[in-house]
Amino acid sequence: WILQQPGVTAPIIGASKMPHLEEAVA
């Protein structure tokens, strides 16, 4: 949702574990 908002180019995801990063990539 955030990535599809106009003007948002780099949301801060705050991944602290590999599954967090995997979800962000997905």
mmCIF file of all heavy atoms, coordinates in Angstrom:
data_MODEL
# 
_entry.id   MODEL 
# 
loop_
_atom_site.group_PDB 
_atom_site.id 
_atom_site.type_symbol 
_atom_site.label_atom_id 
_atom_site.label_alt_id 
_atom_site.label_comp_id 
_atom_site.label_asym_id 
_atom_site.label_entity_id 
_atom_site.label_seq_id 
_atom_site.pdbx_PDB_ins_code 
_atom_site.Cartn_x 
_atom_site.Cartn_y 
_atom_site.Cartn_z 
_atom_site.occupancy 
_atom_site.B_iso_or_equiv 
_atom_site.pdbx_formal_charge 
_atom_site.auth_seq_id 
_atom_site.auth_comp_id 
_atom_site.auth_asym_id 
_atom_site.auth_atom_id 
_atom_site.pdbx_PDB_model_num 
ATOM 1   N N   . TRP A 1 1  ? 0.841  -1.205  0.000  1.00 0.00 ? 1  TRP A N   1 
ATOM 2   C CA  . TRP A 1 1  ? 0.000  0.000   0.000  1.00 0.00 ? 1  TRP A CA  1 
ATOM 3   C C   . TRP A 1 1  ? 0.876  1.256   0.000  1.00 0.00 ? 1  TRP A C   1 
ATOM 4   O O   . TRP A 1 1  ? 0.680  2.181   -0.795 1.00 0.00 ? 1  TRP A O   1 
ATOM 5   C CB  . TRP A 1 1  ? -0.914 -0.035  1.224  1.00 0.00 ? 1  TRP A CB  1 
ATOM 6   C CG  . TRP A 1 1  ? -1.823 1.134   1.401  1.00 0.00 ? 1  TRP A CG  1 
ATOM 7   C CD1 . TRP A 1 1  ? -2.416 1.881   0.424  1.00 0.00 ? 1  TRP A CD1 1 
ATOM 8   C CD2 . TRP A 1 1  ? -2.260 1.696   2.633  1.00 0.00 ? 1  TRP A CD2 1 
ATOM 9   N NE1 . TRP A 1 1  ? -3.205 2.868   0.990  1.00 0.00 ? 1  TRP A NE1 1 
ATOM 10  C CE2 . TRP A 1 1  ? -3.122 2.765   2.347  1.00 0.00 ? 1  TRP A CE2 1 
ATOM 11  C CE3 . TRP A 1 1  ? -2.023 1.370   3.964  1.00 0.00 ? 1  TRP A CE3 1 
ATOM 12  C CZ2 . TRP A 1 1  ? -3.726 3.525   3.332  1.00 0.00 ? 1  TRP A CZ2 1 
ATOM 13  C CZ3 . TRP A 1 1  ? -2.635 2.125   4.944  1.00 0.00 ? 1  TRP A CZ3 1 
ATOM 14  C CH2 . TRP A 1 1  ? -3.476 3.183   4.629  1.00 0.00 ? 1  TRP A CH2 1 
ATOM 15  N N   . ILE A 1 2  ? 1.845  1.288   0.902  1.00 0.00 ? 2  ILE A N   1 
ATOM 16  C CA  . ILE A 1 2  ? 2.749  2.446   0.983  1.00 0.00 ? 2  ILE A CA  1 
ATOM 17  C C   . ILE A 1 2  ? 3.485  2.643   -0.336 1.00 0.00 ? 2  ILE A C   1 
ATOM 18  O O   . ILE A 1 2  ? 3.623  3.764   -0.823 1.00 0.00 ? 2  ILE A O   1 
ATOM 19  C CB  . ILE A 1 2  ? 3.752  2.271   2.151  1.00 0.00 ? 2  ILE A CB  1 
ATOM 20  C CG1 . ILE A 1 2  ? 3.045  2.328   3.495  1.00 0.00 ? 2  ILE A CG1 1 
ATOM 21  C CG2 . ILE A 1 2  ? 4.885  3.287   2.080  1.00 0.00 ? 2  ILE A CG2 1 
ATOM 22  C CD1 . ILE A 1 2  ? 2.389  3.659   3.799  1.00 0.00 ? 2  ILE A CD1 1 
ATOM 23  N N   . LEU A 1 3  ? 3.958  1.543   -0.923 1.00 0.00 ? 3  LEU A N   1 
ATOM 24  C CA  . LEU A 1 3  ? 4.718  1.640   -2.165 1.00 0.00 ? 3  LEU A CA  1 
ATOM 25  C C   . LEU A 1 3  ? 3.875  2.150   -3.332 1.00 0.00 ? 3  LEU A C   1 
ATOM 26  O O   . LEU A 1 3  ? 4.413  2.671   -4.304 1.00 0.00 ? 3  LEU A O   1 
ATOM 27  C CB  . LEU A 1 3  ? 5.319  0.282   -2.521 1.00 0.00 ? 3  LEU A CB  1 
ATOM 28  C CG  . LEU A 1 3  ? 6.494  -0.146  -1.651 1.00 0.00 ? 3  LEU A CG  1 
ATOM 29  C CD1 . LEU A 1 3  ? 6.803  -1.621  -1.873 1.00 0.00 ? 3  LEU A CD1 1 
ATOM 30  C CD2 . LEU A 1 3  ? 7.716  0.716   -1.930 1.00 0.00 ? 3  LEU A CD2 1 
ATOM 31  N N   . GLN A 1 4  ? 2.562  2.007   -3.239 1.00 0.00 ? 4  GLN A N   1 
ATOM 32  C CA  . GLN A 1 4  ? 1.685  2.475   -4.314 1.00 0.00 ? 4  GLN A CA  1 
ATOM 33  C C   . GLN A 1 4  ? 1.144  3.883   -4.063 1.00 0.00 ? 4  GLN A C   1 
ATOM 34  O O   . GLN A 1 4  ? 0.292  4.364   -4.818 1.00 0.00 ? 4  GLN A O   1 
ATOM 35  C CB  . GLN A 1 4  ? 0.543  1.475   -4.528 1.00 0.00 ? 4  GLN A CB  1 
ATOM 36  C CG  . GLN A 1 4  ? 1.028  0.185   -5.186 1.00 0.00 ? 4  GLN A CG  1 
ATOM 37  C CD  . GLN A 1 4  ? -0.079 -0.812  -5.420 1.00 0.00 ? 4  GLN A CD  1 
ATOM 38  O OE1 . GLN A 1 4  ? -0.109 -1.857  -4.805 1.00 0.00 ? 4  GLN A OE1 1 
ATOM 39  N NE2 . GLN A 1 4  ? -0.993 -0.493  -6.308 1.00 0.00 ? 4  GLN A NE2 1 
ATOM 40  N N   . GLN A 1 5  ? 1.642  4.557   -3.045 1.00 0.00 ? 5  GLN A N   1 
ATOM 41  C CA  . GLN A 1 5  ? 1.206  5.922   -2.764 1.00 0.00 ? 5  GLN A CA  1 
ATOM 42  C C   . GLN A 1 5  ? 2.086  6.913   -3.510 1.00 0.00 ? 5  GLN A C   1 
ATOM 43  O O   . GLN A 1 5  ? 3.312  6.770   -3.546 1.00 0.00 ? 5  GLN A O   1 
ATOM 44  C CB  . GLN A 1 5  ? 1.276  6.221   -1.258 1.00 0.00 ? 5  GLN A CB  1 
ATOM 45  C CG  . GLN A 1 5  ? 0.396  5.328   -0.415 1.00 0.00 ? 5  GLN A CG  1 
ATOM 46  C CD  . GLN A 1 5  ? -1.039 5.344   -0.872 1.00 0.00 ? 5  GLN A CD  1 
ATOM 47  O OE1 . GLN A 1 5  ? -1.683 6.378   -0.931 1.00 0.00 ? 5  GLN A OE1 1 
ATOM 48  N NE2 . GLN A 1 5  ? -1.549 4.167   -1.223 1.00 0.00 ? 5  GLN A NE2 1 
ATOM 49  N N   . PRO A 1 6  ? 1.476  7.921   -4.128 1.00 0.00 ? 6  PRO A N   1 
ATOM 50  C CA  . PRO A 1 6  ? 2.271  8.931   -4.835 1.00 0.00 ? 6  PRO A CA  1 
ATOM 51  C C   . PRO A 1 6  ? 3.221  9.646   -3.871 1.00 0.00 ? 6  PRO A C   1 
ATOM 52  O O   . PRO A 1 6  ? 2.854  9.948   -2.745 1.00 0.00 ? 6  PRO A O   1 
ATOM 53  C CB  . PRO A 1 6  ? 1.221  9.916   -5.364 1.00 0.00 ? 6  PRO A CB  1 
ATOM 54  C CG  . PRO A 1 6  ? -0.108 9.312   -5.101 1.00 0.00 ? 6  PRO A CG  1 
ATOM 55  C CD  . PRO A 1 6  ? 0.055  8.191   -4.140 1.00 0.00 ? 6  PRO A CD  1 
ATOM 56  N N   . GLY A 1 7  ? 4.417  9.856   -4.327 1.00 0.00 ? 7  GLY A N   1 
ATOM 57  C CA  . GLY A 1 7  ? 5.380  10.590  -3.522 1.00 0.00 ? 7  GLY A CA  1 
ATOM 58  C C   . GLY A 1 7  ? 6.204  9.748   -2.571 1.00 0.00 ? 7  GLY A C   1 
ATOM 59  O O   . GLY A 1 7  ? 7.177  10.228  -2.003 1.00 0.00 ? 7  GLY A O   1 
ATOM 60  N N   . VAL A 1 8  ? 5.849  8.499   -2.375 1.00 0.00 ? 8  VAL A N   1 
ATOM 61  C CA  . VAL A 1 8  ? 6.636  7.626   -1.497 1.00 0.00 ? 8  VAL A CA  1 
ATOM 62  C C   . VAL A 1 8  ? 7.640  6.890   -2.374 1.00 0.00 ? 8  VAL A C   1 
ATOM 63  O O   . VAL A 1 8  ? 7.261  6.123   -3.259 1.00 0.00 ? 8  VAL A O   1 
ATOM 64  C CB  . VAL A 1 8  ? 5.748  6.607   -0.740 1.00 0.00 ? 8  VAL A CB  1 
ATOM 65  C CG1 . VAL A 1 8  ? 6.603  5.663   0.084  1.00 0.00 ? 8  VAL A CG1 1 
ATOM 66  C CG2 . VAL A 1 8  ? 4.751  7.332   0.143  1.00 0.00 ? 8  VAL A CG2 1 
ATOM 67  N N   . THR A 1 9  ? 8.912  7.146   -2.120 1.00 0.00 ? 9  THR A N   1 
ATOM 68  C CA  . THR A 1 9  ? 9.942  6.510   -2.937 1.00 0.00 ? 9  THR A CA  1 
ATOM 69  C C   . THR A 1 9  ? 10.797 5.526   -2.150 1.00 0.00 ? 9  THR A C   1 
ATOM 70  O O   . THR A 1 9  ? 11.405 4.645   -2.729 1.00 0.00 ? 9  THR A O   1 
ATOM 71  C CB  . THR A 1 9  ? 10.877 7.562   -3.563 1.00 0.00 ? 9  THR A CB  1 
ATOM 72  O OG1 . THR A 1 9  ? 11.465 8.345   -2.525 1.00 0.00 ? 9  THR A OG1 1 
ATOM 73  C CG2 . THR A 1 9  ? 10.107 8.468   -4.514 1.00 0.00 ? 9  THR A CG2 1 
ATOM 74  N N   . ALA A 1 10 ? 10.833 5.661   -0.834 1.00 0.00 ? 10 ALA A N   1 
ATOM 75  C CA  . ALA A 1 10 ? 11.678 4.788   -0.035 1.00 0.00 ? 10 ALA A CA  1 
ATOM 76  C C   . ALA A 1 10 ? 11.102 4.637   1.374  1.00 0.00 ? 10 ALA A C   1 
ATOM 77  O O   . ALA A 1 10 ? 11.527 5.319   2.293  1.00 0.00 ? 10 ALA A O   1 
ATOM 78  C CB  . ALA A 1 10 ? 13.095 5.339   0.041  1.00 0.00 ? 10 ALA A CB  1 
ATOM 79  N N   . PRO A 1 11 ? 10.133 3.731   1.552  1.00 0.00 ? 11 PRO A N   1 
ATOM 80  C CA  . PRO A 1 11 ? 9.598  3.529   2.903  1.00 0.00 ? 11 PRO A CA  1 
ATOM 81  C C   . PRO A 1 11 ? 10.668 2.932   3.812  1.00 0.00 ? 11 PRO A C   1 
ATOM 82  O O   . PRO A 1 11 ? 11.524 2.168   3.365  1.00 0.00 ? 11 PRO A O   1 
ATOM 83  C CB  . PRO A 1 11 ? 8.444  2.548   2.700  1.00 0.00 ? 11 PRO A CB  1 
ATOM 84  C CG  . PRO A 1 11 ? 8.756  1.848   1.436  1.00 0.00 ? 11 PRO A CG  1 
ATOM 85  C CD  . PRO A 1 11 ? 9.520  2.827   0.588  1.00 0.00 ? 11 PRO A CD  1 
ATOM 86  N N   . ILE A 1 12 ? 10.631 3.295   5.063  1.00 0.00 ? 12 ILE A N   1 
ATOM 87  C CA  . ILE A 1 12 ? 11.576 2.756   6.045  1.00 0.00 ? 12 ILE A CA  1 
ATOM 88  C C   . ILE A 1 12 ? 10.954 1.489   6.610  1.00 0.00 ? 12 ILE A C   1 
ATOM 89  O O   . ILE A 1 12 ? 9.896  1.529   7.237  1.00 0.00 ? 12 ILE A O   1 
ATOM 90  C CB  . ILE A 1 12 ? 11.863 3.777   7.160  1.00 0.00 ? 12 ILE A CB  1 
ATOM 91  C CG1 . ILE A 1 12 ? 12.486 5.021   6.554  1.00 0.00 ? 12 ILE A CG1 1 
ATOM 92  C CG2 . ILE A 1 12 ? 12.756 3.162   8.233  1.00 0.00 ? 12 ILE A CG2 1 
ATOM 93  C CD1 . ILE A 1 12 ? 12.612 6.181   7.504  1.00 0.00 ? 12 ILE A CD1 1 
ATOM 94  N N   . ILE A 1 13 ? 11.597 0.348   6.389  1.00 0.00 ? 13 ILE A N   1 
ATOM 95  C CA  . ILE A 1 13 ? 10.980 -0.914  6.771  1.00 0.00 ? 13 ILE A CA  1 
ATOM 96  C C   . ILE A 1 13 ? 11.417 -1.422  8.135  1.00 0.00 ? 13 ILE A C   1 
ATOM 97  O O   . ILE A 1 13 ? 10.722 -2.194  8.752  1.00 0.00 ? 13 ILE A O   1 
ATOM 98  C CB  . ILE A 1 13 ? 11.209 -2.005  5.708  1.00 0.00 ? 13 ILE A CB  1 
ATOM 99  C CG1 . ILE A 1 13 ? 12.697 -2.237  5.480  1.00 0.00 ? 13 ILE A CG1 1 
ATOM 100 C CG2 . ILE A 1 13 ? 10.500 -1.638  4.428  1.00 0.00 ? 13 ILE A CG2 1 
ATOM 101 C CD1 . ILE A 1 13 ? 13.008 -3.442  4.657  1.00 0.00 ? 13 ILE A CD1 1 
ATOM 102 N N   . GLY A 1 14 ? 12.574 -1.027  8.631  1.00 0.00 ? 14 GLY A N   1 
ATOM 103 C CA  . GLY A 1 14 ? 13.001 -1.422  9.970  1.00 0.00 ? 14 GLY A CA  1 
ATOM 104 C C   . GLY A 1 14 ? 13.149 -2.921  10.169 1.00 0.00 ? 14 GLY A C   1 
ATOM 105 O O   . GLY A 1 14 ? 12.786 -3.445  11.206 1.00 0.00 ? 14 GLY A O   1 
ATOM 106 N N   . ALA A 1 15 ? 13.663 -3.618  9.166  1.00 0.00 ? 15 ALA A N   1 
ATOM 107 C CA  . ALA A 1 15 ? 13.848 -5.067  9.281  1.00 0.00 ? 15 ALA A CA  1 
ATOM 108 C C   . ALA A 1 15 ? 14.964 -5.373  10.270 1.00 0.00 ? 15 ALA A C   1 
ATOM 109 O O   . ALA A 1 15 ? 16.075 -4.887  10.136 1.00 0.00 ? 15 ALA A O   1 
ATOM 110 C CB  . ALA A 1 15 ? 14.172 -5.662  7.923  1.00 0.00 ? 15 ALA A CB  1 
ATOM 111 N N   . SER A 1 16 ? 14.651 -6.187  11.280 1.00 0.00 ? 16 SER A N   1 
ATOM 112 C CA  . SER A 1 16 ? 15.665 -6.591  12.251 1.00 0.00 ? 16 SER A CA  1 
ATOM 113 C C   . SER A 1 16 ? 15.938 -8.089  12.205 1.00 0.00 ? 16 SER A C   1 
ATOM 114 O O   . SER A 1 16 ? 16.843 -8.577  12.867 1.00 0.00 ? 16 SER A O   1 
ATOM 115 C CB  . SER A 1 16 ? 15.236 -6.185  13.668 1.00 0.00 ? 16 SER A CB  1 
ATOM 116 O OG  . SER A 1 16 ? 14.004 -6.803  13.992 1.00 0.00 ? 16 SER A OG  1 
ATOM 117 N N   . LYS A 1 17 ? 15.144 -8.798  11.408 1.00 0.00 ? 17 LYS A N   1 
ATOM 118 C CA  . LYS A 1 17 ? 15.314 -10.239 11.236 1.00 0.00 ? 17 LYS A CA  1 
ATOM 119 C C   . LYS A 1 17 ? 15.119 -10.565 9.766  1.00 0.00 ? 17 LYS A C   1 
ATOM 120 O O   . LYS A 1 17 ? 14.401 -9.858  9.057  1.00 0.00 ? 17 LYS A O   1 
ATOM 121 C CB  . LYS A 1 17 ? 14.285 -11.010 12.078 1.00 0.00 ? 17 LYS A CB  1 
ATOM 122 C CG  . LYS A 1 17 ? 14.426 -10.761 13.564 1.00 0.00 ? 17 LYS A CG  1 
ATOM 123 C CD  . LYS A 1 17 ? 13.356 -11.490 14.346 1.00 0.00 ? 17 LYS A CD  1 
ATOM 124 C CE  . LYS A 1 17 ? 13.533 -11.128 15.819 1.00 0.00 ? 17 LYS A CE  1 
ATOM 125 N NZ  . LYS A 1 17 ? 12.461 -11.628 16.635 1.00 0.00 ? 17 LYS A NZ  1 
ATOM 126 N N   . MET A 1 18 ? 15.731 -11.643 9.326  1.00 0.00 ? 18 MET A N   1 
ATOM 127 C CA  . MET A 1 18 ? 15.649 -12.020 7.920  1.00 0.00 ? 18 MET A CA  1 
ATOM 128 C C   . MET A 1 18 ? 14.201 -12.183 7.431  1.00 0.00 ? 18 MET A C   1 
ATOM 129 O O   . MET A 1 18 ? 13.883 -11.714 6.330  1.00 0.00 ? 18 MET A O   1 
ATOM 130 C CB  . MET A 1 18 ? 16.448 -13.294 7.654  1.00 0.00 ? 18 MET A CB  1 
ATOM 131 C CG  . MET A 1 18 ? 16.525 -13.637 6.181  1.00 0.00 ? 18 MET A CG  1 
ATOM 132 S SD  . MET A 1 18 ? 17.177 -12.307 5.131  1.00 0.00 ? 18 MET A SD  1 
ATOM 133 C CE  . MET A 1 18 ? 18.914 -12.527 5.391  1.00 0.00 ? 18 MET A CE  1 
ATOM 134 N N   . PRO A 1 19 ? 13.268 -12.787 8.206  1.00 0.00 ? 19 PRO A N   1 
ATOM 135 C CA  . PRO A 1 19 ? 11.889 -12.878 7.721  1.00 0.00 ? 19 PRO A CA  1 
ATOM 136 C C   . PRO A 1 19 ? 11.244 -11.514 7.462  1.00 0.00 ? 19 PRO A C   1 
ATOM 137 O O   . PRO A 1 19 ? 10.437 -11.376 6.542  1.00 0.00 ? 19 PRO A O   1 
ATOM 138 C CB  . PRO A 1 19 ? 11.159 -13.627 8.840  1.00 0.00 ? 19 PRO A CB  1 
ATOM 139 C CG  . PRO A 1 19 ? 12.221 -14.438 9.500  1.00 0.00 ? 19 PRO A CG  1 
ATOM 140 C CD  . PRO A 1 19 ? 13.462 -13.582 9.422  1.00 0.00 ? 19 PRO A CD  1 
ATOM 141 N N   . HIS A 1 20 ? 11.622 -10.495 8.236  1.00 0.00 ? 20 HIS A N   1 
ATOM 142 C CA  . HIS A 1 20 ? 11.100 -9.145  7.998  1.00 0.00 ? 20 HIS A CA  1 
ATOM 143 C C   . HIS A 1 20 ? 11.540 -8.651  6.619  1.00 0.00 ? 20 HIS A C   1 
ATOM 144 O O   . HIS A 1 20 ? 10.745 -8.078  5.871  1.00 0.00 ? 20 HIS A O   1 
ATOM 145 C CB  . HIS A 1 20 ? 11.596 -8.162  9.050  1.00 0.00 ? 20 HIS A CB  1 
ATOM 146 C CG  . HIS A 1 20 ? 11.191 -8.481  10.446 1.00 0.00 ? 20 HIS A CG  1 
ATOM 147 N ND1 . HIS A 1 20 ? 11.796 -7.895  11.533 1.00 0.00 ? 20 HIS A ND1 1 
ATOM 148 C CD2 . HIS A 1 20 ? 10.265 -9.333  10.947 1.00 0.00 ? 20 HIS A CD2 1 
ATOM 149 C CE1 . HIS A 1 20 ? 11.250 -8.354  12.644 1.00 0.00 ? 20 HIS A CE1 1 
ATOM 150 N NE2 . HIS A 1 20 ? 10.318 -9.241  12.306 1.00 0.00 ? 20 HIS A NE2 1 
ATOM 151 N N   . LEU A 1 21 ? 12.805 -8.877  6.317  1.00 0.00 ? 21 LEU A N   1 
ATOM 152 C CA  . LEU A 1 21 ? 13.347 -8.445  5.028  1.00 0.00 ? 21 LEU A CA  1 
ATOM 153 C C   . LEU A 1 21 ? 12.698 -9.225  3.888  1.00 0.00 ? 21 LEU A C   1 
ATOM 154 O O   . LEU A 1 21 ? 12.361 -8.656  2.845  1.00 0.00 ? 21 LEU A O   1 
ATOM 155 C CB  . LEU A 1 21 ? 14.864 -8.612  5.007  1.00 0.00 ? 21 LEU A CB  1 
ATOM 156 C CG  . LEU A 1 21 ? 15.580 -8.074  3.780  1.00 0.00 ? 21 LEU A CG  1 
ATOM 157 C CD1 . LEU A 1 21 ? 15.311 -6.599  3.588  1.00 0.00 ? 21 LEU A CD1 1 
ATOM 158 C CD2 . LEU A 1 21 ? 17.070 -8.340  3.892  1.00 0.00 ? 21 LEU A CD2 1 
ATOM 159 N N   . GLU A 1 22 ? 12.488 -10.526 4.093  1.00 0.00 ? 22 GLU A N   1 
ATOM 160 C CA  . GLU A 1 22 ? 11.855 -11.352 3.063  1.00 0.00 ? 22 GLU A CA  1 
ATOM 161 C C   . GLU A 1 22 ? 10.422 -10.878 2.782  1.00 0.00 ? 22 GLU A C   1 
ATOM 162 O O   . GLU A 1 22 ? 9.998  -10.847 1.631  1.00 0.00 ? 22 GLU A O   1 
ATOM 163 C CB  . GLU A 1 22 ? 11.876 -12.818 3.485  1.00 0.00 ? 22 GLU A CB  1 
ATOM 164 C CG  . GLU A 1 22 ? 13.280 -13.409 3.462  1.00 0.00 ? 22 GLU A CG  1 
ATOM 165 C CD  . GLU A 1 22 ? 13.390 -14.747 4.176  1.00 0.00 ? 22 GLU A CD  1 
ATOM 166 O OE1 . GLU A 1 22 ? 12.428 -15.169 4.865  1.00 0.00 ? 22 GLU A OE1 1 
ATOM 167 O OE2 . GLU A 1 22 ? 14.459 -15.368 4.054  1.00 0.00 ? 22 GLU A OE2 1 
ATOM 168 N N   . GLU A 1 23 ? 9.700  -10.501 3.822  1.00 0.00 ? 23 GLU A N   1 
ATOM 169 C CA  . GLU A 1 23 ? 8.337  -9.978  3.625  1.00 0.00 ? 23 GLU A CA  1 
ATOM 170 C C   . GLU A 1 23 ? 8.360  -8.653  2.878  1.00 0.00 ? 23 GLU A C   1 
ATOM 171 O O   . GLU A 1 23 ? 7.506  -8.397  2.032  1.00 0.00 ? 23 GLU A O   1 
ATOM 172 C CB  . GLU A 1 23 ? 7.625  -9.806  4.965  1.00 0.00 ? 23 GLU A CB  1 
ATOM 173 C CG  . GLU A 1 23 ? 7.129  -11.105 5.546  1.00 0.00 ? 23 GLU A CG  1 
ATOM 174 C CD  . GLU A 1 23 ? 6.180  -10.873 6.694  1.00 0.00 ? 23 GLU A CD  1 
ATOM 175 O OE1 . GLU A 1 23 ? 6.654  -10.426 7.758  1.00 0.00 ? 23 GLU A OE1 1 
ATOM 176 O OE2 . GLU A 1 23 ? 4.976  -11.133 6.500  1.00 0.00 ? 23 GLU A OE2 1 
ATOM 177 N N   . ALA A 1 24 ? 9.332  -7.819  3.205  1.00 0.00 ? 24 ALA A N   1 
ATOM 178 C CA  . ALA A 1 24 ? 9.440  -6.527  2.524  1.00 0.00 ? 24 ALA A CA  1 
ATOM 179 C C   . ALA A 1 24 ? 9.729  -6.726  1.042  1.00 0.00 ? 24 ALA A C   1 
ATOM 180 O O   . ALA A 1 24 ? 9.137  -6.056  0.196  1.00 0.00 ? 24 ALA A O   1 
ATOM 181 C CB  . ALA A 1 24 ? 10.523 -5.674  3.174  1.00 0.00 ? 24 ALA A CB  1 
ATOM 182 N N   . VAL A 1 25 ? 10.595 -7.652  0.719  1.00 0.00 ? 25 VAL A N   1 
ATOM 183 C CA  . VAL A 1 25 ? 10.914 -7.935  -0.680 1.00 0.00 ? 25 VAL A CA  1 
ATOM 184 C C   . VAL A 1 25 ? 9.682  -8.509  -1.385 1.00 0.00 ? 25 VAL A C   1 
ATOM 185 O O   . VAL A 1 25 ? 9.374  -8.134  -2.522 1.00 0.00 ? 25 VAL A O   1 
ATOM 186 C CB  . VAL A 1 25 ? 12.130 -8.877  -0.794 1.00 0.00 ? 25 VAL A CB  1 
ATOM 187 C CG1 . VAL A 1 25 ? 12.326 -9.364  -2.213 1.00 0.00 ? 25 VAL A CG1 1 
ATOM 188 C CG2 . VAL A 1 25 ? 13.388 -8.169  -0.289 1.00 0.00 ? 25 VAL A CG2 1 
ATOM 189 N N   . ALA A 1 26 ? 8.951  -9.396  -0.725 1.00 0.00 ? 26 ALA A N   1 
ATOM 190 C CA  . ALA A 1 26 ? 7.741  -9.980  -1.306 1.00 0.00 ? 26 ALA A CA  1 
ATOM 191 C C   . ALA A 1 26 ? 6.690  -8.905  -1.593 1.00 0.00 ? 26 ALA A C   1 
ATOM 192 O O   . ALA A 1 26 ? 5.930  -9.013  -2.559 1.00 0.00 ? 26 ALA A O   1 
ATOM 193 C CB  . ALA A 1 26 ? 7.166  -11.045 -0.384 1.00 0.00 ? 26 ALA A CB  1 
# 
